[in-house]
Each structure stands twice: as structure tokens, then as C-alpha cells.
Amino acid sequence: CWNYQPLFLSCNYNTNDNCSSTSSSKKKNYLELTDDELFRECEMDTYKSLGPGGQHHNKHESAVRLKHIPTGFIAQAAEDRS
């Protein structure tokens, strides 16, 4: 059985680009976007996660990272055997 555990969430939100220079009427409400619309604004990459798990764990892409381009939010998740 595989369990997926979130590793961390970080933000590199640049207030100069997204808050100060735009009026509140032009700000995008990301909570109103559909999943597909939100995903189109993201970059996704997979990588080999570190830690226990044997040969299979270290040889295959076992983690994923999503970065939301407009805000700089990054979310990561890795699989964990139980």
C-alpha cells in the first residue's frame, strides 16, 4: 500500500508584482478557478526522493513538485511505503 505525504509548502510571493502595482479589481481570485485552470498556471516536475525504501525507491521518480507560477507557491509530495 502506498501513502502519499505532503513534504512542505513554500511561498516566494513577490508583493511588488502582484499587490502594490495592481488595483484590487484586477487581482485574480485563485479560489474561483477550476482545477484545470489552476493546473495550467503550474509547472510540475518529478524527481527521486530521498530516504528509506530500497532499490526501487532510489531508482524511480518517487516524488512530485508543483509550482504555481503567478504566486510562486511550491507544493511537494513523496510516496512512502507502509
PDB file of N, CA and C in Angstrom:
ATOM      1  N   CYS A   1       0.840  -1.178   0.000  1.00  0.00           N
ATOM      2  CA  CYS A   1       0.000   0.000   0.000  1.00  0.00           C
ATOM      3  C   CYS A   1       0.889   1.246   0.000  1.00  0.00           C
ATOM      4  N   TRP A   2       0.537   2.225  -0.805  1.00  0.00           N
ATOM      5  CA  TRP A   2       1.311   3.463  -0.894  1.00  0.00           C
ATOM      6  C   TRP A   2       0.570   4.573  -0.156  1.00  0.00           C
ATOM      7  N   ASN A   3       1.286   5.315   0.626  1.00  0.00           N
ATOM      8  CA  ASN A   3       0.745   6.507   1.286  1.00  0.00           C
ATOM      9  C   ASN A   3       1.470   7.714   0.725  1.00  0.00           C
ATOM     10  N   TYR A   4       0.752   8.753   0.400  1.00  0.00           N
ATOM     11  CA  TYR A   4       1.370   9.966  -0.119  1.00  0.00           C
ATOM     12  C   TYR A   4       1.351  11.030   0.964  1.00  0.00           C
ATOM     13  N   GLN A   5       2.516  11.527   1.311  1.00  0.00           N
ATOM     14  CA  GLN A   5       2.653  12.505   2.377  1.00  0.00           C
ATOM     15  C   GLN A   5       3.147  13.831   1.813  1.00  0.00           C
ATOM     16  N   PRO A   6       2.466  14.945   2.102  1.00  0.00           N
ATOM     17  CA  PRO A   6       2.987  16.238   1.664  1.00  0.00           C
ATOM     18  C   PRO A   6       4.258  16.566   2.437  1.00  0.00           C
ATOM     19  N   LEU A   7       5.262  17.080   1.744  1.00  0.00           N
ATOM     20  CA  LEU A   7       6.523  17.400   2.392  1.00  0.00           C
ATOM     21  C   LEU A   7       6.534  18.817   2.941  1.00  0.00           C
ATOM     22  N   PHE A   8       6.211  19.800   2.117  1.00  0.00           N
ATOM     23  CA  PHE A   8       6.164  21.169   2.596  1.00  0.00           C
ATOM     24  C   PHE A   8       5.455  22.051   1.588  1.00  0.00           C
ATOM     25  N   LEU A   9       5.135  23.235   2.024  1.00  0.00           N
ATOM     26  CA  LEU A   9       4.540  24.244   1.158  1.00  0.00           C
ATOM     27  C   LEU A   9       5.315  25.520   1.395  1.00  0.00           C
ATOM     28  N   SER A  10       5.798  26.141   0.335  1.00  0.00           N
ATOM     29  CA  SER A  10       6.552  27.377   0.499  1.00  0.00           C
ATOM     30  C   SER A  10       6.016  28.435  -0.441  1.00  0.00           C
ATOM     31  N   CYS A  11       6.375  29.660  -0.171  1.00  0.00           N
ATOM     32  CA  CYS A  11       5.893  30.766  -0.994  1.00  0.00           C
ATOM     33  C   CYS A  11       7.007  31.767  -1.218  1.00  0.00           C
ATOM     34  N   ASN A  12       7.169  32.165  -2.458  1.00  0.00           N
ATOM     35  CA  ASN A  12       8.082  33.245  -2.819  1.00  0.00           C
ATOM     36  C   ASN A  12       7.255  34.383  -3.402  1.00  0.00           C
ATOM     37  N   TYR A  13       6.199  34.742  -2.725  1.00  0.00           N
ATOM     38  CA  TYR A  13       5.240  35.719  -3.228  1.00  0.00           C
ATOM     39  C   TYR A  13       5.892  37.094  -3.280  1.00  0.00           C
ATOM     40  N   ASN A  14       5.908  37.688  -4.455  1.00  0.00           N
ATOM     41  CA  ASN A  14       6.512  38.996  -4.641  1.00  0.00           C
ATOM     42  C   ASN A  14       5.412  40.047  -4.603  1.00  0.00           C
ATOM     43  N   THR A  15       5.326  40.791  -3.521  1.00  0.00           N
ATOM     44  CA  THR A  15       4.253  41.772  -3.380  1.00  0.00           C
ATOM     45  C   THR A  15       4.376  42.905  -4.384  1.00  0.00           C
ATOM     46  N   ASN A  16       5.565  43.196  -4.863  1.00  0.00           N
ATOM     47  CA  ASN A  16       5.719  44.266  -5.841  1.00  0.00           C
ATOM     48  C   ASN A  16       5.015  43.929  -7.148  1.00  0.00           C
ATOM     49  N   ASP A  17       5.043  42.661  -7.552  1.00  0.00           N
ATOM     50  CA  ASP A  17       4.442  42.260  -8.817  1.00  0.00           C
ATOM     51  C   ASP A  17       2.939  42.048  -8.718  1.00  0.00           C
ATOM     52  N   ASN A  18       2.454  41.577  -7.582  1.00  0.00           N
ATOM     53  CA  ASN A  18       1.078  41.121  -7.518  1.00  0.00           C
ATOM     54  C   ASN A  18       0.139  41.982  -6.675  1.00  0.00           C
ATOM     55  N   CYS A  19       0.655  42.800  -5.779  1.00  0.00           N
ATOM     56  CA  CYS A  19      -0.242  43.547  -4.899  1.00  0.00           C
ATOM     57  C   CYS A  19      -0.130  45.057  -5.094  1.00  0.00           C
ATOM     58  N   SER A  20       1.058  45.595  -4.948  1.00  0.00           N
ATOM     59  CA  SER A  20       1.223  47.036  -4.930  1.00  0.00           C
ATOM     60  C   SER A  20       0.891  47.690  -6.254  1.00  0.00           C
ATOM     61  N   SER A  21       1.260  47.054  -7.351  1.00  0.00           N
ATOM     62  CA  SER A  21       1.128  47.705  -8.640  1.00  0.00           C
ATOM     63  C   SER A  21      -0.226  47.488  -9.307  1.00  0.00           C
ATOM     64  N   THR A  22      -1.106  46.684  -8.706  1.00  0.00           N
ATOM     65  CA  THR A  22      -2.412  46.433  -9.318  1.00  0.00           C
ATOM     66  C   THR A  22      -3.516  46.843  -8.367  1.00  0.00           C
ATOM     67  N   SER A  23      -4.618  47.251  -8.920  1.00  0.00           N
ATOM     68  CA  SER A  23      -5.768  47.584  -8.080  1.00  0.00           C
ATOM     69  C   SER A  23      -6.466  46.302  -7.655  1.00  0.00           C
ATOM     70  N   SER A  24      -7.276  46.384  -6.609  1.00  0.00           N
ATOM     71  CA  SER A  24      -7.937  45.183  -6.096  1.00  0.00           C
ATOM     72  C   SER A  24      -8.906  44.588  -7.109  1.00  0.00           C
ATOM     73  N   SER A  25      -9.430  45.395  -8.027  1.00  0.00           N
ATOM     74  CA  SER A  25     -10.365  44.865  -9.015  1.00  0.00           C
ATOM     75  C   SER A  25      -9.670  43.997 -10.058  1.00  0.00           C
ATOM     76  N   LYS A  26      -8.352  44.141 -10.218  1.00  0.00           N
ATOM     77  CA  LYS A  26      -7.614  43.367 -11.213  1.00  0.00           C
ATOM     78  C   LYS A  26      -7.001  42.100 -10.629  1.00  0.00           C
ATOM     79  N   LYS A  27      -7.012  41.941  -9.305  1.00  0.00           N
ATOM     80  CA  LYS A  27      -6.428  40.758  -8.680  1.00  0.00           C
ATOM     81  C   LYS A  27      -7.258  39.531  -9.023  1.00  0.00           C
ATOM     82  N   LYS A  28      -6.579  38.424  -9.247  1.00  0.00           N
ATOM     83  CA  LYS A  28      -7.261  37.173  -9.581  1.00  0.00           C
ATOM     84  C   LYS A  28      -7.614  36.428  -8.297  1.00  0.00           C
ATOM     85  N   ASN A  29      -8.834  35.922  -8.223  1.00  0.00           N
ATOM     86  CA  ASN A  29      -9.249  35.107  -7.092  1.00  0.00           C
ATOM     87  C   ASN A  29      -9.001  33.651  -7.466  1.00  0.00           C
ATOM     88  N   TYR A  30      -7.888  33.094  -6.985  1.00  0.00           N
ATOM     89  CA  TYR A  30      -7.488  31.741  -7.361  1.00  0.00           C
ATOM     90  C   TYR A  30      -8.445  30.682  -6.828  1.00  0.00           C
ATOM     91  N   LEU A  31      -9.204  30.997  -5.788  1.00  0.00           N
ATOM     92  CA  LEU A  31     -10.159  30.029  -5.246  1.00  0.00           C
ATOM     93  C   LEU A  31     -11.342  29.811  -6.178  1.00  0.00           C
ATOM     94  N   GLU A  32     -11.577  30.736  -7.092  1.00  0.00           N
ATOM     95  CA  GLU A  32     -12.692  30.601  -8.027  1.00  0.00           C
ATOM     96  C   GLU A  32     -12.311  29.845  -9.297  1.00  0.00           C
ATOM     97  N   LEU A  33     -11.027  29.532  -9.488  1.00  0.00           N
ATOM     98  CA  LEU A  33     -10.585  28.809 -10.680  1.00  0.00           C
ATOM     99  C   LEU A  33     -10.946  27.333 -10.578  1.00  0.00           C
ATOM    100  N   THR A  34     -11.194  26.713 -11.725  1.00  0.00           N
ATOM    101  CA  THR A  34     -11.382  25.265 -11.741  1.00  0.00           C
ATOM    102  C   THR A  34     -10.021  24.604 -11.560  1.00  0.00           C
ATOM    103  N   ASP A  35     -10.013  23.320 -11.267  1.00  0.00           N
ATOM    104  CA  ASP A  35      -8.752  22.596 -11.123  1.00  0.00           C
ATOM    105  C   ASP A  35      -7.926  22.680 -12.400  1.00  0.00           C
ATOM    106  N   ASP A  36      -8.577  22.527 -13.554  1.00  0.00           N
ATOM    107  CA  ASP A  36      -7.862  22.581 -14.831  1.00  0.00           C
ATOM    108  C   ASP A  36      -7.246  23.956 -15.072  1.00  0.00           C
ATOM    109  N   GLU A  37      -7.984  25.017 -14.771  1.00  0.00           N
ATOM    110  CA  GLU A  37      -7.460  26.373 -14.955  1.00  0.00           C
ATOM    111  C   GLU A  37      -6.261  26.614 -14.043  1.00  0.00           C
ATOM    112  N   LEU A  38      -6.361  26.180 -12.807  1.00  0.00           N
ATOM    113  CA  LEU A  38      -5.271  26.351 -11.854  1.00  0.00           C
ATOM    114  C   LEU A  38      -4.051  25.533 -12.262  1.00  0.00           C
ATOM    115  N   PHE A  39      -4.271  24.300 -12.712  1.00  0.00           N
ATOM    116  CA  PHE A  39      -3.162  23.435 -13.111  1.00  0.00           C
ATOM    117  C   PHE A  39      -2.415  24.005 -14.316  1.00  0.00           C
ATOM    118  N   ARG A  40      -3.115  24.685 -15.224  1.00  0.00           N
ATOM    119  CA  ARG A  40      -2.461  25.296 -16.387  1.00  0.00           C
ATOM    120  C   ARG A  40      -1.511  26.421 -15.986  1.00  0.00           C
ATOM    121  N   GLU A  41      -1.674  26.959 -14.792  1.00  0.00           N
ATOM    122  CA  GLU A  41      -0.795  28.016 -14.303  1.00  0.00           C
ATOM    123  C   GLU A  41       0.376  27.459 -13.494  1.00  0.00           C
ATOM    124  N   CYS A  42       0.540  26.142 -13.507  1.00  0.00           N
ATOM    125  CA  CYS A  42       1.571  25.495 -12.693  1.00  0.00           C
ATOM    126  C   CYS A  42       2.610  24.788 -13.553  1.00  0.00           C
ATOM    127  N   GLU A  43       3.800  24.634 -12.969  1.00  0.00           N
ATOM    128  CA  GLU A  43       4.840  23.765 -13.535  1.00  0.00           C
ATOM    129  C   GLU A  43       4.894  22.527 -12.652  1.00  0.00           C
ATOM    130  N   MET A  44       5.066  21.357 -13.259  1.00  0.00           N
ATOM    131  CA  MET A  44       5.164  20.124 -12.499  1.00  0.00           C
ATOM    132  C   MET A  44       6.444  19.406 -12.887  1.00  0.00           C
ATOM    133  N   ASP A  45       7.171  18.901 -11.884  1.00  0.00           N
ATOM    134  CA  ASP A  45       8.309  18.049 -12.182  1.00  0.00           C
ATOM    135  C   ASP A  45       8.352  16.910 -11.173  1.00  0.00           C
ATOM    136  N   THR A  46       8.942  15.806 -11.604  1.00  0.00           N
ATOM    137  CA  THR A  46       9.099  14.637 -10.745  1.00  0.00           C
ATOM    138  C   THR A  46      10.581  14.440 -10.480  1.00  0.00           C
ATOM    139  N   TYR A  47      10.886  13.796  -9.372  1.00  0.00           N
ATOM    140  CA  TYR A  47      12.282  13.584  -9.003  1.00  0.00           C
ATOM    141  C   TYR A  47      12.383  12.381  -8.075  1.00  0.00           C
ATOM    142  N   LYS A  48      13.596  11.956  -7.832  1.00  0.00           N
ATOM    143  CA  LYS A  48      13.854  10.833  -6.927  1.00  0.00           C
ATOM    144  C   LYS A  48      13.909  11.373  -5.504  1.00  0.00           C
ATOM    145  N   SER A  49      13.000  10.921  -4.670  1.00  0.00           N
ATOM    146  CA  SER A  49      13.005  11.388  -3.287  1.00  0.00           C
ATOM    147  C   SER A  49      14.059  10.627  -2.492  1.00  0.00           C
ATOM    148  N   LEU A  50      14.462  11.204  -1.396  1.00  0.00           N
ATOM    149  CA  LEU A  50      15.492  10.605  -0.553  1.00  0.00           C
ATOM    150  C   LEU A  50      14.853   9.849   0.599  1.00  0.00           C
ATOM    151  N   GLY A  51      15.621   8.962   1.200  1.00  0.00           N
ATOM    152  CA  GLY A  51      15.147   8.258   2.377  1.00  0.00           C
ATOM    153  C   GLY A  51      15.050   6.770   2.157  1.00  0.00           C
ATOM    154  N   PRO A  52      14.543   6.046   3.164  1.00  0.00           N
ATOM    155  CA  PRO A  52      14.439   4.597   3.069  1.00  0.00           C
ATOM    156  C   PRO A  52      13.429   4.174   2.016  1.00  0.00           C
ATOM    157  N   GLY A  53      13.605   2.976   1.519  1.00  0.00           N
ATOM    158  CA  GLY A  53      12.671   2.463   0.525  1.00  0.00           C
ATOM    159  C   GLY A  53      13.311   1.451  -0.393  1.00  0.00           C
ATOM    160  N   GLY A  54      14.596   1.233  -0.221  1.00  0.00           N
ATOM    161  CA  GLY A  54      15.268   0.205  -1.006  1.00  0.00           C
ATOM    162  C   GLY A  54      15.604   0.632  -2.414  1.00  0.00           C
ATOM    163  N   GLN A  55      15.947  -0.354  -3.233  1.00  0.00           N
ATOM    164  CA  GLN A  55      16.408  -0.085  -4.591  1.00  0.00           C
ATOM    165  C   GLN A  55      15.343   0.585  -5.440  1.00  0.00           C
ATOM    166  N   HIS A  56      14.104   0.131  -5.338  1.00  0.00           N
ATOM    167  CA  HIS A  56      13.036   0.705  -6.163  1.00  0.00           C
ATOM    168  C   HIS A  56      12.858   2.194  -5.868  1.00  0.00           C
ATOM    169  N   HIS A  57      12.906   2.542  -4.607  1.00  0.00           N
ATOM    170  CA  HIS A  57      12.694   3.928  -4.183  1.00  0.00           C
ATOM    171  C   HIS A  57      13.763   4.854  -4.760  1.00  0.00           C
ATOM    172  N   ASN A  58      14.994   4.410  -4.792  1.00  0.00           N
ATOM    173  CA  ASN A  58      16.099   5.263  -5.222  1.00  0.00           C
ATOM    174  C   ASN A  58      16.311   5.297  -6.731  1.00  0.00           C
ATOM    175  N   LYS A  59      15.661   4.431  -7.496  1.00  0.00           N
ATOM    176  CA  LYS A  59      15.886   4.368  -8.938  1.00  0.00           C
ATOM    177  C   LYS A  59      14.734   4.936  -9.755  1.00  0.00           C
ATOM    178  N   HIS A  60      13.629   5.255  -9.133  1.00  0.00           N
ATOM    179  CA  HIS A  60      12.454   5.718  -9.866  1.00  0.00           C
ATOM    180  C   HIS A  60      12.018   7.083  -9.349  1.00  0.00           C
ATOM    181  N   GLU A  61      11.376   7.819 -10.224  1.00  0.00           N
ATOM    182  CA  GLU A  61      10.818   9.111  -9.831  1.00  0.00           C
ATOM    183  C   GLU A  61       9.732   8.829  -8.791  1.00  0.00           C
ATOM    184  N   SER A  62       9.955   9.233  -7.559  1.00  0.00           N
ATOM    185  CA  SER A  62       9.032   8.873  -6.490  1.00  0.00           C
ATOM    186  C   SER A  62       8.483  10.089  -5.743  1.00  0.00           C
ATOM    187  N   ALA A  63       8.672  11.275  -6.299  1.00  0.00           N
ATOM    188  CA  ALA A  63       8.135  12.488  -5.687  1.00  0.00           C
ATOM    189  C   ALA A  63       7.723  13.457  -6.790  1.00  0.00           C
ATOM    190  N   VAL A  64       6.843  14.376  -6.437  1.00  0.00           N
ATOM    191  CA  VAL A  64       6.362  15.356  -7.412  1.00  0.00           C
ATOM    192  C   VAL A  64       6.400  16.745  -6.771  1.00  0.00           C
ATOM    193  N   ARG A  65       6.689  17.746  -7.585  1.00  0.00           N
ATOM    194  CA  ARG A  65       6.722  19.132  -7.131  1.00  0.00           C
ATOM    195  C   ARG A  65       5.860  19.970  -8.075  1.00  0.00           C
ATOM    196  N   LEU A  66       4.960  20.763  -7.520  1.00  0.00           N
ATOM    197  CA  LEU A  66       4.133  21.690  -8.294  1.00  0.00           C
ATOM    198  C   LEU A  66       4.501  23.112  -7.895  1.00  0.00           C
ATOM    199  N   LYS A  67       4.677  23.975  -8.898  1.00  0.00           N
ATOM    200  CA  LYS A  67       4.945  25.391  -8.629  1.00  0.00           C
ATOM    201  C   LYS A  67       3.896  26.220  -9.349  1.00  0.00           C
ATOM    202  N   HIS A  68       3.182  27.044  -8.582  1.00  0.00           N
ATOM    203  CA  HIS A  68       2.198  27.956  -9.160  1.00  0.00           C
ATOM    204  C   HIS A  68       2.959  29.203  -9.601  1.00  0.00           C
ATOM    205  N   ILE A  69       3.071  29.406 -10.912  1.00  0.00           N
ATOM    206  CA  ILE A  69       3.913  30.452 -11.481  1.00  0.00           C
ATOM    207  C   ILE A  69       3.514  31.859 -11.023  1.00  0.00           C
ATOM    208  N   PRO A  70       2.240  32.263 -11.080  1.00  0.00           N
ATOM    209  CA  PRO A  70       1.909  33.643 -10.712  1.00  0.00           C
ATOM    210  C   PRO A  70       2.241  34.010  -9.264  1.00  0.00           C
ATOM    211  N   THR A  71       2.109  33.077  -8.333  1.00  0.00           N
ATOM    212  CA  THR A  71       2.327  33.398  -6.920  1.00  0.00           C
ATOM    213  C   THR A  71       3.646  32.884  -6.374  1.00  0.00           C
ATOM    214  N   GLY A  72       4.252  31.892  -7.029  1.00  0.00           N
ATOM    215  CA  GLY A  72       5.486  31.313  -6.521  1.00  0.00           C
ATOM    216  C   GLY A  72       5.276  30.232  -5.477  1.00  0.00           C
ATOM    217  N   PHE A  73       4.029  29.864  -5.186  1.00  0.00           N
ATOM    218  CA  PHE A  73       3.778  28.786  -4.232  1.00  0.00           C
ATOM    219  C   PHE A  73       4.341  27.476  -4.764  1.00  0.00           C
ATOM    220  N   ILE A  74       4.974  26.700  -3.879  1.00  0.00           N
ATOM    221  CA  ILE A  74       5.531  25.399  -4.240  1.00  0.00           C
ATOM    222  C   ILE A  74       4.962  24.356  -3.284  1.00  0.00           C
ATOM    223  N   ALA A  75       4.484  23.242  -3.843  1.00  0.00           N
ATOM    224  CA  ALA A  75       3.999  22.124  -3.038  1.00  0.00           C
ATOM    225  C   ALA A  75       4.715  20.869  -3.507  1.00  0.00           C
ATOM    226  N   GLN A  76       5.113  20.022  -2.572  1.00  0.00           N
ATOM    227  CA  GLN A  76       5.803  18.775  -2.892  1.00  0.00           C
ATOM    228  C   GLN A  76       5.115  17.627  -2.180  1.00  0.00           C
ATOM    229  N   ALA A  77       5.186  16.455  -2.793  1.00  0.00           N
ATOM    230  CA  ALA A  77       4.671  15.240  -2.161  1.00  0.00           C
ATOM    231  C   ALA A  77       5.553  14.080  -2.589  1.00  0.00           C
ATOM    232  N   ALA A  78       5.722  13.111  -1.692  1.00  0.00           N
ATOM    233  CA  ALA A  78       6.532  11.928  -1.984  1.00  0.00           C
ATOM    234  C   ALA A  78       5.789  10.693  -1.512  1.00  0.00           C
ATOM    235  N   GLU A  79       6.025   9.585  -2.209  1.00  0.00           N
ATOM    236  CA  GLU A  79       5.375   8.352  -1.802  1.00  0.00           C
ATOM    237  C   GLU A  79       6.153   7.718  -0.660  1.00  0.00           C
ATOM    238  N   ASP A  80       5.429   6.980   0.158  1.00  0.00           N
ATOM    239  CA  ASP A  80       6.019   6.347   1.325  1.00  0.00           C
ATOM    240  C   ASP A  80       5.386   4.975   1.479  1.00  0.00           C
ATOM    241  N   ARG A  81       6.199   3.946   1.552  1.00  0.00           N
ATOM    242  CA  ARG A  81       5.665   2.595   1.742  1.00  0.00           C
ATOM    243  C   ARG A  81       5.358   2.369   3.209  1.00  0.00           C
ATOM    244  N   SER A  82       4.233   1.703   3.453  1.00  0.00           N
ATOM    245  CA  SER A  82       3.903   1.382   4.845  1.00  0.00           C
ATOM    246  C   SER A  82       3.643  -0.098   4.986  1.00  0.00           C
TER     247      SER A  82
END
